[in-house]
């Protein structure tokens, strides 16, 4: 049985955990119904760096290689995990990767982080990066695990299609899957089946 490690989205957001992102919207059940063993750990709410996030996720890895499926800002943590533990991450799927380098988006995110108590150096570190927060484009190009990309459809300021297209251009052989809305959104229910089908097809 293939094991999936789901990495939820959010960034210092109260109440945004694996339950809110994956379980309540039905993603965990849908993937288990498709024959997968699913692990969905909580990310630390107030991690000071993406390296800390990757170290936390490493403790949730199963004994054998797994497919990592990450959403939104969780994509940054998942990429750092895949770079640190290439032996453990057999495949990597980045769903609705959070857009980096957009001044308006970064300003709103920085304000939210500051309001949540993040120190200025923590805010700067979490927002730093090239196409994806927390990692350089050169590091991304060195990913060894097969990469899947699932865009947000329709796109929104926080999950722009250009991010998926840029990632596809950076990583040789990356696969762009059919897009859908993000799980926490109320309209995700209509997309659940095809979203789970796309994830399952990539993971097998």
N, C-alpha and C. Protein backbone atom coordinates (compact mmCIF):
# COMPACT_ATOMS: atom_id res chain seq x y z
N UNK A 1 0.84 -1.19 0.00
CA UNK A 1 0.00 0.00 0.00
C UNK A 1 0.88 1.25 0.00
N UNK A 2 0.63 2.16 -0.91
CA UNK A 2 1.38 3.41 -0.98
C UNK A 2 0.98 4.33 0.17
N UNK A 3 1.98 4.90 0.81
CA UNK A 3 1.72 5.84 1.91
C UNK A 3 1.81 7.27 1.39
N UNK A 4 0.82 8.06 1.72
CA UNK A 4 0.80 9.49 1.40
C UNK A 4 0.99 10.27 2.69
N UNK A 5 1.90 11.24 2.67
CA UNK A 5 2.08 12.17 3.77
C UNK A 5 1.53 13.51 3.32
N UNK A 6 0.44 13.95 3.93
CA UNK A 6 -0.21 15.20 3.55
C UNK A 6 0.30 16.33 4.42
N UNK A 7 0.72 17.42 3.78
CA UNK A 7 1.26 18.59 4.47
C UNK A 7 0.29 19.75 4.23
N UNK A 8 -0.37 20.17 5.29
CA UNK A 8 -1.43 21.18 5.12
C UNK A 8 -0.88 22.58 4.90
N UNK A 9 -1.76 23.46 4.44
CA UNK A 9 -1.40 24.85 4.21
C UNK A 9 -1.52 25.70 5.46
N UNK A 10 -1.46 27.02 5.24
CA UNK A 10 -1.52 27.96 6.35
C UNK A 10 -0.13 28.45 6.71
N UNK A 11 -0.08 29.60 7.34
CA UNK A 11 1.19 30.16 7.80
C UNK A 11 0.90 31.01 9.03
N UNK A 12 1.17 30.43 10.20
CA UNK A 12 0.91 31.08 11.49
C UNK A 12 -0.57 31.43 11.64
N UNK A 13 -1.44 30.61 11.08
CA UNK A 13 -2.88 30.87 11.15
C UNK A 13 -3.52 30.00 12.22
N UNK A 14 -4.14 30.62 13.19
CA UNK A 14 -4.84 29.87 14.23
C UNK A 14 -5.96 29.05 13.61
N UNK A 15 -6.03 27.79 13.99
CA UNK A 15 -7.10 26.93 13.50
C UNK A 15 -6.84 26.26 12.17
N UNK A 16 -5.74 26.63 11.50
CA UNK A 16 -5.43 25.97 10.23
C UNK A 16 -4.49 24.80 10.50
N UNK A 17 -5.06 23.62 10.55
CA UNK A 17 -4.30 22.41 10.83
C UNK A 17 -4.72 21.32 9.85
N UNK A 18 -4.23 20.11 10.06
CA UNK A 18 -4.54 19.02 9.15
C UNK A 18 -6.03 18.70 9.13
N UNK A 19 -6.67 18.86 10.27
CA UNK A 19 -8.11 18.60 10.34
C UNK A 19 -8.88 19.58 9.46
N UNK A 20 -8.55 20.86 9.58
CA UNK A 20 -9.25 21.88 8.81
C UNK A 20 -8.93 21.81 7.32
N UNK A 21 -7.70 21.45 6.99
CA UNK A 21 -7.27 21.50 5.59
C UNK A 21 -7.56 20.20 4.85
N UNK A 22 -7.37 19.05 5.50
CA UNK A 22 -7.47 17.78 4.81
C UNK A 22 -8.64 16.90 5.27
N UNK A 23 -8.87 16.83 6.59
CA UNK A 23 -9.86 15.85 7.07
C UNK A 23 -11.29 16.34 6.88
N UNK A 24 -11.62 17.50 7.40
CA UNK A 24 -13.01 17.97 7.30
C UNK A 24 -13.47 18.16 5.85
N UNK A 25 -12.60 18.63 4.94
CA UNK A 25 -13.03 18.73 3.54
C UNK A 25 -13.16 17.38 2.83
N UNK A 26 -12.74 16.28 3.47
CA UNK A 26 -12.93 14.95 2.90
C UNK A 26 -11.77 14.38 2.14
N UNK A 27 -10.63 15.07 2.09
CA UNK A 27 -9.50 14.59 1.29
C UNK A 27 -8.93 13.30 1.85
N UNK A 28 -8.74 13.23 3.17
CA UNK A 28 -8.17 12.01 3.77
C UNK A 28 -9.06 10.81 3.45
N UNK A 29 -10.36 10.92 3.69
CA UNK A 29 -11.27 9.80 3.42
C UNK A 29 -11.25 9.41 1.95
N UNK A 30 -11.23 10.42 1.06
CA UNK A 30 -11.26 10.14 -0.38
C UNK A 30 -10.01 9.39 -0.81
N UNK A 31 -8.86 9.75 -0.27
CA UNK A 31 -7.63 9.06 -0.64
C UNK A 31 -7.55 7.67 -0.02
N UNK A 32 -8.05 7.53 1.19
CA UNK A 32 -8.10 6.19 1.79
C UNK A 32 -9.04 5.29 0.99
N UNK A 33 -10.15 5.84 0.52
CA UNK A 33 -11.08 5.06 -0.31
C UNK A 33 -10.43 4.62 -1.61
N UNK A 34 -9.41 5.33 -2.05
CA UNK A 34 -8.69 4.98 -3.28
C UNK A 34 -7.50 4.07 -3.01
N UNK A 35 -7.40 3.55 -1.79
CA UNK A 35 -6.42 2.52 -1.49
C UNK A 35 -5.11 2.97 -0.91
N UNK A 36 -5.04 4.21 -0.39
CA UNK A 36 -3.79 4.72 0.17
C UNK A 36 -3.82 4.69 1.69
N UNK A 37 -2.63 4.53 2.25
CA UNK A 37 -2.43 4.74 3.68
C UNK A 37 -2.07 6.21 3.83
N UNK A 38 -2.86 6.97 4.59
CA UNK A 38 -2.71 8.42 4.63
C UNK A 38 -2.26 8.88 6.01
N UNK A 39 -1.17 9.65 6.02
CA UNK A 39 -0.70 10.31 7.23
C UNK A 39 -0.92 11.81 7.05
N UNK A 40 -1.48 12.46 8.05
CA UNK A 40 -1.75 13.90 7.95
C UNK A 40 -1.36 14.58 9.26
N UNK A 41 -0.07 14.82 9.46
CA UNK A 41 0.38 15.46 10.70
C UNK A 41 0.09 16.96 10.69
N UNK A 42 0.05 17.54 11.86
CA UNK A 42 -0.07 18.99 11.98
C UNK A 42 1.31 19.62 11.86
N UNK A 43 1.38 20.71 11.10
CA UNK A 43 2.60 21.52 11.09
C UNK A 43 2.64 22.36 12.36
N UNK A 44 3.84 22.76 12.82
CA UNK A 44 3.90 23.66 13.97
C UNK A 44 3.25 25.00 13.63
N UNK A 45 2.46 25.52 14.54
CA UNK A 45 1.71 26.75 14.26
C UNK A 45 2.63 27.94 14.12
N UNK A 46 3.65 28.02 14.95
CA UNK A 46 4.52 29.20 14.98
C UNK A 46 5.98 28.83 14.71
N UNK A 47 6.23 28.09 13.66
CA UNK A 47 7.60 27.73 13.30
C UNK A 47 8.39 28.98 12.93
N UNK A 48 9.64 29.03 13.38
CA UNK A 48 10.47 30.22 13.13
C UNK A 48 11.14 30.18 11.77
N UNK A 49 11.16 29.01 11.11
CA UNK A 49 11.83 28.90 9.81
C UNK A 49 11.29 27.69 9.06
N UNK A 50 11.55 27.68 7.75
CA UNK A 50 11.16 26.53 6.95
C UNK A 50 12.02 25.32 7.29
N UNK A 51 13.25 25.54 7.71
CA UNK A 51 14.09 24.42 8.14
C UNK A 51 13.50 23.74 9.36
N UNK A 52 12.96 24.54 10.29
CA UNK A 52 12.30 23.97 11.47
C UNK A 52 11.09 23.15 11.05
N UNK A 53 10.35 23.65 10.05
CA UNK A 53 9.18 22.92 9.57
C UNK A 53 9.59 21.57 8.98
N UNK A 54 10.64 21.56 8.17
CA UNK A 54 11.09 20.32 7.56
C UNK A 54 11.55 19.32 8.60
N UNK A 55 12.24 19.80 9.61
CA UNK A 55 12.70 18.92 10.70
C UNK A 55 11.50 18.32 11.44
N UNK A 56 10.47 19.12 11.65
CA UNK A 56 9.26 18.64 12.31
C UNK A 56 8.59 17.56 11.45
N UNK A 57 8.46 17.80 10.15
CA UNK A 57 7.81 16.83 9.26
C UNK A 57 8.61 15.54 9.16
N UNK A 58 9.93 15.64 9.24
CA UNK A 58 10.76 14.44 9.13
C UNK A 58 10.41 13.43 10.22
N UNK A 59 9.97 13.91 11.35
CA UNK A 59 9.61 13.00 12.44
C UNK A 59 8.32 12.25 12.15
N UNK A 60 7.54 12.71 11.18
CA UNK A 60 6.29 12.05 10.82
C UNK A 60 6.44 11.09 9.65
N UNK A 61 7.64 11.01 9.07
CA UNK A 61 7.85 10.14 7.91
C UNK A 61 7.66 8.67 8.30
N UNK A 62 7.07 7.88 7.40
CA UNK A 62 6.96 6.44 7.67
C UNK A 62 8.32 5.77 7.49
N UNK A 63 8.37 4.47 7.74
CA UNK A 63 9.65 3.77 7.68
C UNK A 63 10.17 3.64 6.25
N UNK A 64 9.30 3.59 5.27
CA UNK A 64 9.73 3.47 3.88
C UNK A 64 9.43 4.73 3.10
N UNK A 65 9.89 4.81 1.84
CA UNK A 65 9.62 5.99 1.02
C UNK A 65 8.12 6.21 0.84
N UNK A 66 7.73 7.47 0.74
CA UNK A 66 6.33 7.82 0.61
C UNK A 66 6.16 8.93 -0.42
N UNK A 67 4.92 9.17 -0.80
CA UNK A 67 4.58 10.31 -1.63
C UNK A 67 4.12 11.44 -0.72
N UNK A 68 4.71 12.61 -0.88
CA UNK A 68 4.34 13.78 -0.09
C UNK A 68 3.42 14.66 -0.93
N UNK A 69 2.26 14.99 -0.36
CA UNK A 69 1.30 15.88 -1.01
C UNK A 69 1.16 17.11 -0.13
N UNK A 70 1.52 18.27 -0.66
CA UNK A 70 1.50 19.50 0.14
C UNK A 70 0.57 20.51 -0.48
N UNK A 71 -0.02 21.36 0.37
CA UNK A 71 -0.93 22.39 -0.10
C UNK A 71 -0.49 23.78 0.34
N UNK A 72 -0.63 24.75 -0.56
CA UNK A 72 -0.41 26.17 -0.27
C UNK A 72 0.97 26.42 0.34
N UNK A 73 1.03 27.09 1.50
CA UNK A 73 2.33 27.34 2.12
C UNK A 73 3.00 26.07 2.62
N UNK A 74 2.24 24.99 2.78
CA UNK A 74 2.86 23.72 3.13
C UNK A 74 3.81 23.21 2.05
N UNK A 75 3.68 23.75 0.82
CA UNK A 75 4.58 23.33 -0.25
C UNK A 75 6.03 23.69 0.07
N UNK A 76 6.24 24.84 0.72
CA UNK A 76 7.60 25.24 1.08
C UNK A 76 8.21 24.26 2.07
N UNK A 77 7.43 23.88 3.07
CA UNK A 77 7.91 22.91 4.05
C UNK A 77 8.19 21.56 3.40
N UNK A 78 7.32 21.16 2.47
CA UNK A 78 7.48 19.86 1.81
C UNK A 78 8.71 19.83 0.92
N UNK A 79 8.97 20.91 0.21
CA UNK A 79 10.17 20.97 -0.63
C UNK A 79 11.42 20.89 0.22
N UNK A 80 11.43 21.62 1.33
CA UNK A 80 12.60 21.55 2.22
C UNK A 80 12.78 20.13 2.75
N UNK A 81 11.67 19.44 3.03
CA UNK A 81 11.75 18.05 3.48
C UNK A 81 12.33 17.16 2.38
N UNK A 82 11.84 17.33 1.14
CA UNK A 82 12.31 16.51 0.03
C UNK A 82 13.79 16.74 -0.25
N UNK A 83 14.24 17.98 -0.09
CA UNK A 83 15.66 18.27 -0.31
C UNK A 83 16.53 17.68 0.80
N UNK A 84 16.01 17.70 2.03
CA UNK A 84 16.78 17.18 3.17
C UNK A 84 16.75 15.66 3.24
N UNK A 85 15.63 15.05 2.79
CA UNK A 85 15.46 13.59 2.90
C UNK A 85 15.05 12.98 1.56
N UNK A 86 15.91 13.06 0.56
CA UNK A 86 15.55 12.49 -0.75
C UNK A 86 15.33 10.99 -0.69
N UNK A 87 15.90 10.33 0.31
CA UNK A 87 15.71 8.90 0.46
C UNK A 87 14.29 8.55 0.89
N UNK A 88 13.61 9.49 1.54
CA UNK A 88 12.30 9.22 2.12
C UNK A 88 11.14 9.70 1.26
N UNK A 89 11.40 10.63 0.34
CA UNK A 89 10.33 11.21 -0.47
C UNK A 89 10.44 10.65 -1.89
N UNK A 90 9.56 9.70 -2.20
CA UNK A 90 9.60 9.04 -3.50
C UNK A 90 8.98 9.90 -4.59
N UNK A 91 7.93 10.63 -4.25
CA UNK A 91 7.25 11.53 -5.18
C UNK A 91 6.78 12.74 -4.39
N UNK A 92 6.66 13.87 -5.07
CA UNK A 92 6.28 15.11 -4.41
C UNK A 92 5.23 15.82 -5.24
N UNK A 93 4.09 16.07 -4.62
CA UNK A 93 3.00 16.78 -5.29
C UNK A 93 2.75 18.10 -4.56
N UNK A 94 2.93 19.21 -5.28
CA UNK A 94 2.68 20.54 -4.73
C UNK A 94 1.35 21.04 -5.27
N UNK A 95 0.38 21.13 -4.38
CA UNK A 95 -0.97 21.56 -4.75
C UNK A 95 -1.20 22.99 -4.31
N UNK A 96 -1.69 23.81 -5.21
CA UNK A 96 -1.98 25.22 -4.93
C UNK A 96 -0.78 25.92 -4.26
N UNK A 97 0.43 25.81 -4.85
CA UNK A 97 1.60 26.42 -4.20
C UNK A 97 1.41 27.92 -3.99
N UNK A 98 1.76 28.39 -2.80
CA UNK A 98 1.59 29.80 -2.46
C UNK A 98 2.53 30.65 -3.31
N UNK A 99 1.98 31.72 -3.86
CA UNK A 99 2.76 32.61 -4.72
C UNK A 99 3.70 33.47 -3.88
N UNK A 100 4.97 33.49 -4.29
CA UNK A 100 5.99 34.30 -3.63
C UNK A 100 6.36 35.48 -4.53
N UNK A 101 6.89 36.52 -3.92
CA UNK A 101 7.43 37.64 -4.69
C UNK A 101 6.41 38.60 -5.24
N UNK A 102 5.16 38.49 -4.85
CA UNK A 102 4.14 39.46 -5.25
C UNK A 102 4.07 40.51 -4.14
N UNK A 103 4.40 41.76 -4.42
CA UNK A 103 4.47 42.75 -3.35
C UNK A 103 3.19 42.89 -2.54
N UNK A 104 2.04 42.87 -3.20
CA UNK A 104 0.78 43.03 -2.48
C UNK A 104 0.50 41.82 -1.59
N UNK A 105 0.75 40.62 -2.12
CA UNK A 105 0.52 39.40 -1.35
C UNK A 105 1.50 39.33 -0.18
N UNK A 106 2.76 39.65 -0.45
CA UNK A 106 3.77 39.60 0.62
C UNK A 106 3.44 40.61 1.72
N UNK A 107 2.96 41.78 1.33
CA UNK A 107 2.62 42.80 2.34
C UNK A 107 1.48 42.32 3.23
N UNK A 108 0.47 41.71 2.63
CA UNK A 108 -0.66 41.19 3.42
C UNK A 108 -0.22 40.04 4.32
N UNK A 109 0.64 39.17 3.79
CA UNK A 109 1.12 38.05 4.59
C UNK A 109 2.01 38.53 5.72
N UNK A 110 2.88 39.50 5.44
CA UNK A 110 3.76 40.04 6.48
C UNK A 110 2.94 40.69 7.59
N UNK A 111 1.90 41.41 7.22
CA UNK A 111 1.05 42.05 8.22
C UNK A 111 0.35 41.01 9.09
N UNK A 112 -0.12 39.92 8.47
CA UNK A 112 -0.79 38.87 9.24
C UNK A 112 0.19 38.16 10.17
N UNK A 113 1.42 37.91 9.69
CA UNK A 113 2.42 37.28 10.53
C UNK A 113 2.78 38.17 11.72
N UNK A 114 2.95 39.44 11.45
CA UNK A 114 3.28 40.38 12.52
C UNK A 114 2.16 40.46 13.55
N UNK A 115 0.93 40.48 13.07
CA UNK A 115 -0.22 40.53 13.98
C UNK A 115 -0.31 39.26 14.83
N UNK A 116 0.24 38.16 14.33
CA UNK A 116 0.22 36.90 15.06
C UNK A 116 1.41 36.76 16.01
N UNK A 117 2.27 37.78 16.03
CA UNK A 117 3.38 37.78 16.97
C UNK A 117 4.73 37.40 16.41
N UNK A 118 4.85 37.27 15.10
CA UNK A 118 6.13 36.90 14.50
C UNK A 118 7.10 38.08 14.55
N UNK A 119 8.33 37.82 14.95
CA UNK A 119 9.36 38.85 14.98
C UNK A 119 9.74 39.24 13.55
N UNK A 120 10.25 40.45 13.36
CA UNK A 120 10.61 40.90 12.00
C UNK A 120 11.54 39.95 11.26
N UNK A 121 12.53 39.40 11.98
CA UNK A 121 13.47 38.49 11.30
C UNK A 121 12.79 37.18 10.90
N UNK A 122 11.80 36.76 11.67
CA UNK A 122 11.04 35.56 11.32
C UNK A 122 10.19 35.82 10.08
N UNK A 123 9.52 36.97 10.06
CA UNK A 123 8.71 37.35 8.89
C UNK A 123 9.58 37.37 7.64
N UNK A 124 10.73 38.02 7.73
CA UNK A 124 11.61 38.12 6.57
C UNK A 124 12.07 36.75 6.11
N UNK A 125 12.41 35.87 7.04
CA UNK A 125 12.86 34.55 6.68
C UNK A 125 11.78 33.70 6.04
N UNK A 126 10.57 33.79 6.55
CA UNK A 126 9.47 32.99 6.00
C UNK A 126 9.05 33.46 4.61
N UNK A 127 9.20 34.75 4.34
CA UNK A 127 8.80 35.28 3.03
C UNK A 127 9.92 35.19 2.00
N UNK A 128 11.15 34.96 2.45
CA UNK A 128 12.29 34.92 1.52
C UNK A 128 12.21 33.69 0.62
N UNK A 129 12.74 33.83 -0.58
CA UNK A 129 12.76 32.74 -1.54
C UNK A 129 12.64 33.29 -2.94
N UNK A 130 12.64 32.40 -3.91
CA UNK A 130 12.51 32.82 -5.30
C UNK A 130 11.08 32.52 -5.78
N UNK A 131 10.90 31.49 -6.58
CA UNK A 131 9.55 31.15 -7.05
C UNK A 131 8.68 30.65 -5.91
N UNK A 132 9.30 29.93 -4.98
CA UNK A 132 8.59 29.38 -3.83
C UNK A 132 9.25 29.90 -2.56
N UNK A 133 8.45 30.27 -1.57
CA UNK A 133 9.01 30.74 -0.31
C UNK A 133 9.89 29.67 0.33
N UNK A 134 10.96 30.13 0.93
CA UNK A 134 11.80 29.21 1.70
C UNK A 134 12.84 28.44 0.93
N UNK A 135 12.92 28.64 -0.39
CA UNK A 135 13.86 27.85 -1.19
C UNK A 135 14.26 28.65 -2.43
N UNK A 136 15.50 28.49 -2.85
CA UNK A 136 15.96 29.16 -4.06
C UNK A 136 15.55 28.35 -5.29
N UNK A 137 15.52 29.03 -6.43
CA UNK A 137 15.24 28.33 -7.67
C UNK A 137 16.31 27.30 -7.99
N UNK A 138 17.56 27.60 -7.64
CA UNK A 138 18.65 26.65 -7.89
C UNK A 138 18.43 25.36 -7.10
N UNK A 139 17.98 25.49 -5.85
CA UNK A 139 17.70 24.30 -5.05
C UNK A 139 16.52 23.53 -5.62
N UNK A 140 15.49 24.23 -6.04
CA UNK A 140 14.33 23.57 -6.64
C UNK A 140 14.72 22.74 -7.86
N UNK A 141 15.60 23.28 -8.66
CA UNK A 141 16.02 22.58 -9.87
C UNK A 141 16.76 21.29 -9.54
N UNK A 142 17.23 21.16 -8.30
CA UNK A 142 17.94 19.96 -7.89
C UNK A 142 17.07 18.89 -7.28
N UNK A 143 15.76 19.10 -7.23
CA UNK A 143 14.88 18.06 -6.70
C UNK A 143 15.05 16.77 -7.50
N UNK A 144 15.13 15.65 -6.79
CA UNK A 144 15.29 14.36 -7.46
C UNK A 144 13.99 13.57 -7.54
N UNK A 145 13.05 13.84 -6.65
CA UNK A 145 11.77 13.12 -6.67
C UNK A 145 10.92 13.62 -7.82
N UNK A 146 10.19 12.73 -8.50
CA UNK A 146 9.24 13.19 -9.52
C UNK A 146 8.28 14.22 -8.92
N UNK A 147 8.07 15.32 -9.65
CA UNK A 147 7.29 16.43 -9.13
C UNK A 147 5.98 16.57 -9.88
N UNK A 148 4.89 16.66 -9.10
CA UNK A 148 3.58 16.98 -9.66
C UNK A 148 3.15 18.35 -9.18
N UNK A 149 2.41 19.07 -10.00
CA UNK A 149 1.94 20.41 -9.67
C UNK A 149 0.44 20.49 -9.94
N UNK A 150 -0.30 20.94 -8.93
CA UNK A 150 -1.75 21.03 -9.05
C UNK A 150 -2.14 22.49 -8.84
N UNK A 151 -2.57 23.19 -9.89
CA UNK A 151 -2.88 24.62 -9.76
C UNK A 151 -4.24 24.87 -9.13
N UNK A 152 -4.39 26.07 -8.56
CA UNK A 152 -5.69 26.51 -8.08
C UNK A 152 -6.51 26.98 -9.27
N UNK A 153 -7.71 26.45 -9.41
CA UNK A 153 -8.63 26.88 -10.47
C UNK A 153 -10.01 27.11 -9.87
N UNK A 154 -10.49 28.36 -9.93
CA UNK A 154 -9.81 29.52 -10.52
C UNK A 154 -8.66 30.00 -9.64
N UNK A 155 -7.68 30.66 -10.27
CA UNK A 155 -6.56 31.17 -9.50
C UNK A 155 -7.01 32.33 -8.63
N UNK A 156 -6.22 32.68 -7.65
CA UNK A 156 -6.49 33.81 -6.78
C UNK A 156 -5.16 34.46 -6.43
N UNK A 157 -5.15 35.64 -5.82
CA UNK A 157 -3.88 36.34 -5.59
C UNK A 157 -2.87 35.53 -4.80
N UNK A 158 -3.33 34.66 -3.90
CA UNK A 158 -2.41 33.90 -3.07
C UNK A 158 -1.92 32.62 -3.73
N UNK A 159 -2.63 32.17 -4.77
CA UNK A 159 -2.27 30.93 -5.47
C UNK A 159 -2.40 31.20 -6.97
N UNK A 160 -1.40 31.87 -7.52
CA UNK A 160 -1.44 32.29 -8.91
C UNK A 160 -0.92 31.21 -9.84
N UNK A 161 -1.52 31.14 -11.03
CA UNK A 161 -1.11 30.13 -12.01
C UNK A 161 0.35 30.31 -12.42
N UNK A 162 0.83 31.54 -12.43
CA UNK A 162 2.21 31.77 -12.85
C UNK A 162 3.21 31.03 -11.96
N UNK A 163 2.85 30.80 -10.70
CA UNK A 163 3.74 30.06 -9.80
C UNK A 163 3.89 28.62 -10.26
N UNK A 164 2.79 28.00 -10.61
CA UNK A 164 2.83 26.63 -11.11
C UNK A 164 3.63 26.56 -12.41
N UNK A 165 3.38 27.51 -13.32
CA UNK A 165 4.10 27.50 -14.60
C UNK A 165 5.60 27.69 -14.40
N UNK A 166 5.97 28.57 -13.47
CA UNK A 166 7.39 28.78 -13.20
C UNK A 166 8.04 27.54 -12.60
N UNK A 167 7.35 26.88 -11.68
CA UNK A 167 7.88 25.66 -11.09
C UNK A 167 8.04 24.57 -12.14
N UNK A 168 7.07 24.48 -13.05
CA UNK A 168 7.16 23.48 -14.11
C UNK A 168 8.36 23.73 -15.01
N UNK A 169 8.70 25.00 -15.20
CA UNK A 169 9.86 25.32 -16.01
C UNK A 169 11.18 25.09 -15.30
N UNK A 170 11.16 25.12 -13.98
CA UNK A 170 12.39 24.95 -13.20
C UNK A 170 12.80 23.51 -13.02
N UNK A 171 11.81 22.64 -12.87
CA UNK A 171 12.09 21.24 -12.50
C UNK A 171 11.86 20.35 -13.72
N UNK A 172 12.90 19.77 -14.27
CA UNK A 172 12.75 18.91 -15.45
C UNK A 172 11.78 17.76 -15.19
N UNK A 173 10.88 17.55 -16.14
CA UNK A 173 9.95 16.43 -16.04
C UNK A 173 8.77 16.64 -15.13
N UNK A 174 8.60 17.85 -14.60
CA UNK A 174 7.45 18.12 -13.72
C UNK A 174 6.14 17.91 -14.48
N UNK A 175 5.14 17.38 -13.77
CA UNK A 175 3.83 17.09 -14.36
C UNK A 175 2.81 18.06 -13.79
N UNK A 176 2.10 18.77 -14.66
CA UNK A 176 1.03 19.66 -14.23
C UNK A 176 -0.30 18.91 -14.31
N UNK A 177 -0.97 18.79 -13.17
CA UNK A 177 -2.23 18.04 -13.09
C UNK A 177 -3.41 18.97 -13.31
N UNK A 178 -4.60 18.41 -13.56
CA UNK A 178 -5.79 19.25 -13.65
C UNK A 178 -6.02 20.00 -12.34
N UNK A 179 -6.37 21.27 -12.42
CA UNK A 179 -6.52 22.09 -11.23
C UNK A 179 -7.87 21.96 -10.57
N UNK A 180 -7.95 22.51 -9.36
CA UNK A 180 -9.21 22.55 -8.61
C UNK A 180 -9.09 23.62 -7.53
N UNK A 181 -10.17 23.86 -6.82
CA UNK A 181 -10.13 24.80 -5.71
C UNK A 181 -9.41 24.18 -4.51
N UNK A 182 -9.05 25.01 -3.53
CA UNK A 182 -8.34 24.54 -2.35
C UNK A 182 -9.34 23.98 -1.33
N UNK A 183 -8.93 22.96 -0.56
CA UNK A 183 -9.86 22.30 0.37
C UNK A 183 -10.56 23.21 1.37
N UNK A 184 -9.91 24.20 1.97
CA UNK A 184 -10.66 24.96 2.97
C UNK A 184 -11.79 25.82 2.40
N UNK A 185 -11.80 26.02 1.08
CA UNK A 185 -12.83 26.86 0.48
C UNK A 185 -14.16 26.13 0.45
N UNK A 186 -15.26 26.85 0.66
CA UNK A 186 -16.58 26.18 0.70
C UNK A 186 -16.97 25.50 -0.60
N UNK A 187 -16.41 25.98 -1.74
CA UNK A 187 -16.78 25.37 -3.02
C UNK A 187 -15.90 24.17 -3.38
N UNK A 188 -15.03 23.73 -2.47
CA UNK A 188 -14.17 22.59 -2.75
C UNK A 188 -14.95 21.30 -2.88
N UNK A 189 -16.07 21.17 -2.19
CA UNK A 189 -16.82 19.91 -2.17
C UNK A 189 -17.12 19.41 -3.58
N UNK A 190 -17.42 20.33 -4.49
CA UNK A 190 -17.73 19.93 -5.86
C UNK A 190 -16.51 19.39 -6.58
N UNK A 191 -15.31 19.75 -6.11
CA UNK A 191 -14.06 19.32 -6.76
C UNK A 191 -13.40 18.13 -6.08
N UNK A 192 -13.93 17.69 -4.95
CA UNK A 192 -13.25 16.68 -4.15
C UNK A 192 -12.91 15.43 -4.95
N UNK A 193 -13.87 14.88 -5.67
CA UNK A 193 -13.65 13.63 -6.38
C UNK A 193 -12.57 13.73 -7.43
N UNK A 194 -12.63 14.75 -8.27
CA UNK A 194 -11.61 14.84 -9.32
C UNK A 194 -10.26 15.26 -8.77
N UNK A 195 -10.26 16.01 -7.66
CA UNK A 195 -9.00 16.36 -7.02
C UNK A 195 -8.33 15.10 -6.46
N UNK A 196 -9.09 14.28 -5.77
CA UNK A 196 -8.55 13.03 -5.22
C UNK A 196 -8.11 12.09 -6.33
N UNK A 197 -8.85 12.05 -7.43
CA UNK A 197 -8.46 11.21 -8.57
C UNK A 197 -7.11 11.66 -9.12
N UNK A 198 -6.91 12.97 -9.25
CA UNK A 198 -5.66 13.49 -9.79
C UNK A 198 -4.49 13.17 -8.85
N UNK A 199 -4.72 13.34 -7.55
CA UNK A 199 -3.67 13.02 -6.58
C UNK A 199 -3.34 11.53 -6.62
N UNK A 200 -4.37 10.69 -6.70
CA UNK A 200 -4.16 9.25 -6.71
C UNK A 200 -3.41 8.81 -7.97
N UNK A 201 -3.75 9.38 -9.12
CA UNK A 201 -3.10 9.00 -10.36
C UNK A 201 -1.62 9.35 -10.33
N UNK A 202 -1.29 10.50 -9.73
CA UNK A 202 0.11 10.89 -9.65
C UNK A 202 0.88 10.00 -8.67
N UNK A 203 0.25 9.63 -7.57
CA UNK A 203 0.94 8.89 -6.52
C UNK A 203 1.21 7.44 -6.90
N UNK A 204 0.47 6.90 -7.84
CA UNK A 204 0.63 5.49 -8.18
C UNK A 204 1.76 5.28 -9.19
